Protein backbone atom coordinates (compact mmCIF):
# COMPACT_ATOMS: atom_id res chain seq x y z
CA MET A 1 97.07 122.01 95.63
CA LYS A 2 95.68 118.53 96.44
CA LYS A 3 98.01 117.01 93.79
CA ILE A 4 100.99 118.77 95.32
CA ILE A 5 100.08 117.51 98.78
CA ASN A 6 99.75 113.98 97.47
CA TRP A 7 103.18 114.14 95.84
CA MET A 8 104.70 115.55 99.04
CA PHE A 9 103.13 112.73 101.03
CA ALA A 10 104.43 110.15 98.58
CA ALA A 11 107.93 111.68 98.72
CA ILE A 12 107.87 111.42 102.52
CA LEU A 13 106.93 107.77 102.24
CA ILE A 14 109.82 107.13 99.85
CA ILE A 15 112.21 108.77 102.31
CA ILE A 16 110.84 106.70 105.18
CA CYS A 17 110.98 103.49 103.20
CA GLY A 18 114.39 104.50 101.89
CA THR A 19 115.80 104.15 105.31
CA CYS A 20 114.86 100.47 105.24
CA VAL A 21 115.41 99.66 101.60
CA PHE A 22 116.55 96.14 102.47
CA THR A 23 114.26 95.56 105.46
CA CYS A 24 110.94 96.46 103.88
CA CYS A 25 109.47 93.04 103.00
CA SER A 26 112.23 91.82 105.27
CA ASN A 27 111.70 88.06 104.98
CA ASP A 28 112.21 88.37 101.17
CA ASP A 29 115.35 90.49 101.37
CA ASN A 30 118.60 89.72 103.16
CA GLY A 31 120.04 93.05 104.13
CA MET A 32 122.96 93.12 101.66
CA VAL A 33 123.63 96.26 99.59
CA VAL A 34 125.25 95.31 96.28
CA SER A 35 125.75 96.69 92.83
CA PRO A 36 123.26 95.62 90.14
CA THR A 37 124.40 93.55 87.18
CA GLU A 38 123.29 92.91 83.62
CA ASP A 39 124.79 89.42 83.54
CA SER A 40 122.12 86.84 82.55
CA SER A 41 124.56 83.98 81.88
CA GLN A 42 123.36 81.90 84.90
CA PHE A 43 119.65 82.26 83.96
CA VAL A 44 117.44 80.03 81.81
CA THR A 45 114.10 80.50 80.10
CA LEU A 46 111.72 78.83 82.57
CA THR A 47 109.77 76.85 79.97
CA ASP A 48 113.01 75.35 78.60
CA ALA A 49 113.55 73.78 82.01
CA VAL A 50 109.86 73.19 82.81
CA PRO A 51 108.11 72.59 79.52
CA ASP A 52 104.82 71.65 81.20
CA ALA A 53 104.47 75.07 82.85
CA ILE A 54 101.73 77.42 81.65
CA LEU A 55 102.67 81.11 81.39
CA GLU A 56 100.40 84.01 82.23
CA ILE A 57 102.93 86.82 82.67
CA ARG A 58 100.78 89.48 84.29
CA TYR A 59 103.38 92.25 84.14
CA TYR A 60 103.72 91.90 80.38
CA GLY A 61 100.03 92.63 79.99
CA THR A 62 97.68 95.16 81.47
CA TYR A 63 95.72 93.04 83.94
CA ASN A 64 97.83 93.82 87.00
CA PHE A 65 97.59 96.26 89.89
CA VAL A 66 99.28 98.99 87.80
CA GLY A 67 97.08 98.51 84.76
CA SER A 68 99.82 98.69 82.13
CA ARG A 69 102.84 96.74 80.93
CA ILE A 70 105.64 97.02 83.46
CA ASP A 71 109.04 98.39 82.45
CA GLY A 72 111.59 95.67 81.63
CA TYR A 73 109.05 93.08 80.46
CA GLU A 74 109.87 92.94 76.76
CA GLU A 75 108.42 89.50 76.03
CA PRO A 76 105.75 87.33 77.69
CA THR A 77 108.24 84.85 79.04
CA ALA A 78 109.68 83.89 82.44
CA LEU A 79 113.33 83.59 83.48
CA LEU A 80 114.90 81.93 86.53
CA THR A 81 118.37 81.02 87.74
CA ARG A 82 119.39 77.55 86.59
CA GLN A 83 119.16 76.24 90.17
CA ALA A 84 115.68 77.55 90.76
CA ALA A 85 114.51 76.25 87.40
CA ASP A 86 115.89 72.77 88.15
CA SER A 87 114.08 72.68 91.47
CA LEU A 88 110.90 73.96 89.89
CA LYS A 89 111.11 71.07 87.39
CA ALA A 90 111.08 68.67 90.34
CA VAL A 91 108.00 70.51 91.70
CA SER A 92 106.34 70.19 88.33
CA ASN A 93 107.02 66.45 88.12
CA ASP A 94 105.55 65.98 91.56
CA LEU A 95 102.39 67.87 90.80
CA ILE A 96 101.88 66.35 87.36
CA ALA A 97 101.70 62.97 89.13
CA GLN A 98 98.81 64.51 91.21
CA GLY A 99 97.00 65.82 88.15
CA TYR A 100 98.17 69.42 88.16
CA ARG A 101 100.38 71.73 86.13
CA LEU A 102 102.15 74.89 87.28
CA LYS A 103 100.89 78.22 86.03
CA ILE A 104 103.45 81.06 86.25
CA TYR A 105 102.53 84.69 86.86
CA ASP A 106 106.02 86.07 87.37
CA ALA A 107 109.56 84.94 87.99
CA TYR A 108 112.73 87.05 87.56
CA ARG A 109 111.83 90.74 87.69
CA PRO A 110 114.34 93.41 86.56
CA GLN A 111 114.94 96.29 88.90
CA LYS A 112 113.39 98.69 86.41
CA GLY A 113 110.13 96.80 86.97
CA VAL A 114 110.37 97.37 90.71
CA ASP A 115 111.15 101.03 90.04
CA HIS A 116 107.99 101.24 87.90
CA PHE A 117 105.94 99.93 90.88
CA VAL A 118 107.40 102.65 93.05
CA ARG A 119 106.58 105.42 90.57
CA TRP A 120 103.05 104.09 90.33
CA ALA A 121 102.68 104.02 94.09
CA GLN A 122 103.78 107.66 94.28
CA ASP A 123 100.93 108.71 92.00
CA LEU A 124 98.07 108.62 94.48
CA GLN A 125 95.56 109.71 91.78
CA ASP A 126 96.09 106.57 89.66
CA THR A 127 93.59 104.14 91.18
CA LYS A 128 92.08 102.57 88.06
CA MET A 129 92.87 99.03 89.21
CA LYS A 130 91.82 99.56 92.81
CA PRO A 131 88.49 97.64 92.47
CA TYR A 132 90.40 94.55 91.25
CA PHE A 133 93.45 94.40 93.54
CA TYR A 134 93.11 96.66 96.61
CA PRO A 135 89.46 97.71 97.13
CA ASP A 136 89.84 97.80 100.94
CA LEU A 137 92.96 99.94 101.01
CA ASP A 138 93.72 103.59 100.35
CA LYS A 139 96.66 103.75 97.97
CA SER A 140 98.58 105.91 100.44
CA VAL A 141 99.12 102.93 102.76
CA LEU A 142 100.86 100.71 100.19
CA PHE A 143 104.38 101.83 101.25
CA PRO A 144 103.80 101.90 105.06
CA GLN A 145 102.15 98.45 104.94
CA GLU A 146 104.95 97.14 102.68
CA TYR A 147 102.82 96.07 99.71
CA ILE A 148 105.26 98.11 97.61
CA CYS A 149 108.98 98.22 98.42
CA LEU A 150 112.12 99.63 96.82
CA LYS A 151 113.65 96.15 96.43
CA SER A 152 112.20 92.74 95.64
CA GLY A 153 113.54 89.20 95.97
CA HIS A 154 112.36 88.64 92.43
CA THR A 155 115.24 90.61 91.07
CA ARG A 156 117.70 88.04 92.49
CA GLY A 157 116.28 85.54 90.03
CA SER A 158 115.22 82.63 92.23
CA THR A 159 111.72 83.74 93.21
CA VAL A 160 108.52 82.69 91.39
CA ASP A 161 104.82 83.61 91.67
CA LEU A 162 102.61 80.71 90.60
CA THR A 163 99.40 78.73 91.03
CA LEU A 164 98.02 75.34 90.00
CA PHE A 165 96.13 74.31 86.88
CA ASP A 166 93.84 71.28 87.20
CA MET A 167 94.37 69.00 84.18
CA THR A 168 90.98 67.28 84.75
CA THR A 169 88.81 70.39 84.78
CA GLU A 170 91.24 72.38 82.59
CA LYS A 171 90.90 75.33 84.89
CA GLU A 172 93.02 77.03 87.58
CA LEU A 173 92.46 75.66 91.06
CA ASP A 174 90.35 78.01 93.14
CA MET A 175 92.75 79.46 95.69
CA GLY A 176 90.16 81.74 97.33
CA GLY A 177 91.81 84.89 96.05
CA THR A 178 93.51 86.37 93.04
CA PHE A 179 97.22 86.78 92.47
CA ASP A 180 98.48 90.20 93.69
CA TRP A 181 95.48 90.86 95.88
CA PHE A 182 96.58 93.44 98.50
CA GLY A 183 95.07 92.24 101.74
CA PRO A 184 95.25 89.65 104.53
CA GLU A 185 93.22 87.22 102.41
CA SER A 186 96.44 86.56 100.49
CA HIS A 187 98.29 85.38 103.59
CA PRO A 188 98.97 81.66 103.61
CA ASP A 189 97.67 81.49 107.16
CA PHE A 190 94.39 83.18 106.38
CA CYS A 191 91.72 80.86 107.78
CA GLY A 192 94.19 78.09 108.56
CA ASN A 193 97.56 76.87 109.79
CA PRO A 194 99.96 76.37 106.84
CA GLU A 195 102.44 74.47 109.04
CA THR A 196 99.95 71.72 109.85
CA GLY A 197 97.63 72.13 106.84
CA GLU A 198 94.71 72.47 109.28
CA TYR A 199 91.80 74.65 108.16
CA THR A 200 90.27 76.71 110.99
CA GLY A 201 88.03 79.17 109.16
CA ASP A 202 89.27 81.86 111.58
CA ASN A 203 90.22 85.25 110.21
CA SER A 204 89.56 87.12 113.45
CA LYS A 205 93.18 88.42 113.43
CA SER A 206 92.11 90.70 110.54
CA PRO A 207 89.16 92.57 112.08
CA SER A 208 89.85 95.80 110.18
CA VAL A 209 88.89 94.35 106.78
CA PRO A 210 85.47 93.33 105.57
CA LYS A 211 84.47 89.91 106.89
CA ARG A 212 85.68 87.48 104.32
CA SER A 213 86.69 83.86 104.40
CA ILE A 214 88.06 81.11 102.24
CA THR A 215 86.63 77.58 102.20
CA ALA A 216 88.39 74.46 103.49
CA GLN A 217 88.79 73.33 99.84
CA GLN A 218 90.37 76.62 98.80
CA PHE A 219 92.75 76.43 101.75
CA GLU A 220 93.67 72.82 100.82
CA HIS A 221 94.43 73.97 97.26
CA ARG A 222 96.90 76.48 98.67
CA MET A 223 98.46 73.74 100.74
CA ILE A 224 98.88 71.42 97.74
CA LEU A 225 101.05 74.04 96.08
CA ARG A 226 102.85 74.89 99.29
CA ARG A 227 103.73 71.30 100.18
CA ALA A 228 105.14 70.63 96.75
CA MET A 229 107.22 73.81 96.73
CA LEU A 230 108.62 73.25 100.16
CA ALA A 231 109.41 69.60 99.42
CA HIS A 232 111.73 70.69 96.57
CA GLY A 233 113.75 73.41 98.22
CA PHE A 234 111.62 76.53 98.08
CA LYS A 235 110.62 78.69 101.04
CA PRO A 236 107.28 80.52 101.32
CA PHE A 237 106.47 84.19 101.84
CA ASP A 238 104.23 84.93 104.81
CA THR A 239 101.91 87.43 103.08
CA GLU A 240 101.44 85.88 99.60
CA TRP A 241 100.27 82.26 99.05
CA TRP A 242 101.64 82.36 95.46
CA HIS A 243 105.19 83.53 96.22
CA PHE A 244 108.19 81.20 96.81
CA THR A 245 111.97 81.66 96.81
CA LEU A 246 114.64 78.97 96.43
CA LYS A 247 115.98 78.45 99.92
CA ASP A 248 119.58 78.07 98.69
CA GLU A 249 119.36 80.74 96.05
CA PRO A 250 122.66 81.15 94.16
CA PHE A 251 122.69 85.00 94.17
CA PRO A 252 121.41 86.08 97.60
CA ASP A 253 123.35 89.39 97.42
CA THR A 254 122.80 90.36 93.77
CA TYR A 255 120.09 92.36 92.05
CA PHE A 256 119.81 91.93 88.26
CA THR A 257 118.84 94.54 85.71
CA PHE A 258 118.58 92.78 82.31
CA PRO A 259 115.10 92.77 80.67
CA VAL A 260 112.67 89.88 80.57
CA ARG A 261 112.96 88.30 77.12
CA GLN A 262 114.02 85.03 75.58
CA LEU A 263 117.65 84.26 76.41
CA LYS A 264 120.04 83.63 73.49
CA HIS A 265 122.79 81.68 75.29
């Protein structure tokens, strides 16, 4: 009976979120309803355009919030539109001069990958990755709080999730939180003002979560990435420090469905 109730609750959430398919995660979606397409002709393999980038494609492996390989990720590679890849190359050149390389977690995401997230979110019993990615949240809130949505800007091909790798220490920069952490600690303005780069140490706007903080150095690491991305045409996402979309993305009204694998063209 409990399982039936959980499924009923999840179905209700889908119906509710279904009424705002293109407004959930609204600053990453633009409100346009379009047909999906399999056409990959305007995409490139990210490392062909940005050969210095390091890949750690989380959704090809099992260390992600689902705990398994995500549908549509057939190879551990990353794809982007040509325009986004060219802009990311400029970001990479900028950061290499500062002693950093880009590390990519995700880029283009096929719609079947988003659908996989939705199915996982419906199964309220599957919480095996909860300690690693959402320990403060009950899984039932992931739809209402818009951690999982029916559409993602990633499927338009000009969004990338990334961090910085320090070439001196040969380690990732400490950003004060892991990629895909579900919580306010992932917000770019957590403990600081991303517009000014000022660290305040104040997370009082998140009183409902355990008292956590990030250091001034961790906040500055986030700002190094943010400044470079914004300087070369990307816009940030207000709930994820690692997530950026090309401001003038070439396909703002198109959702793609081809799988993630090396392109042959």
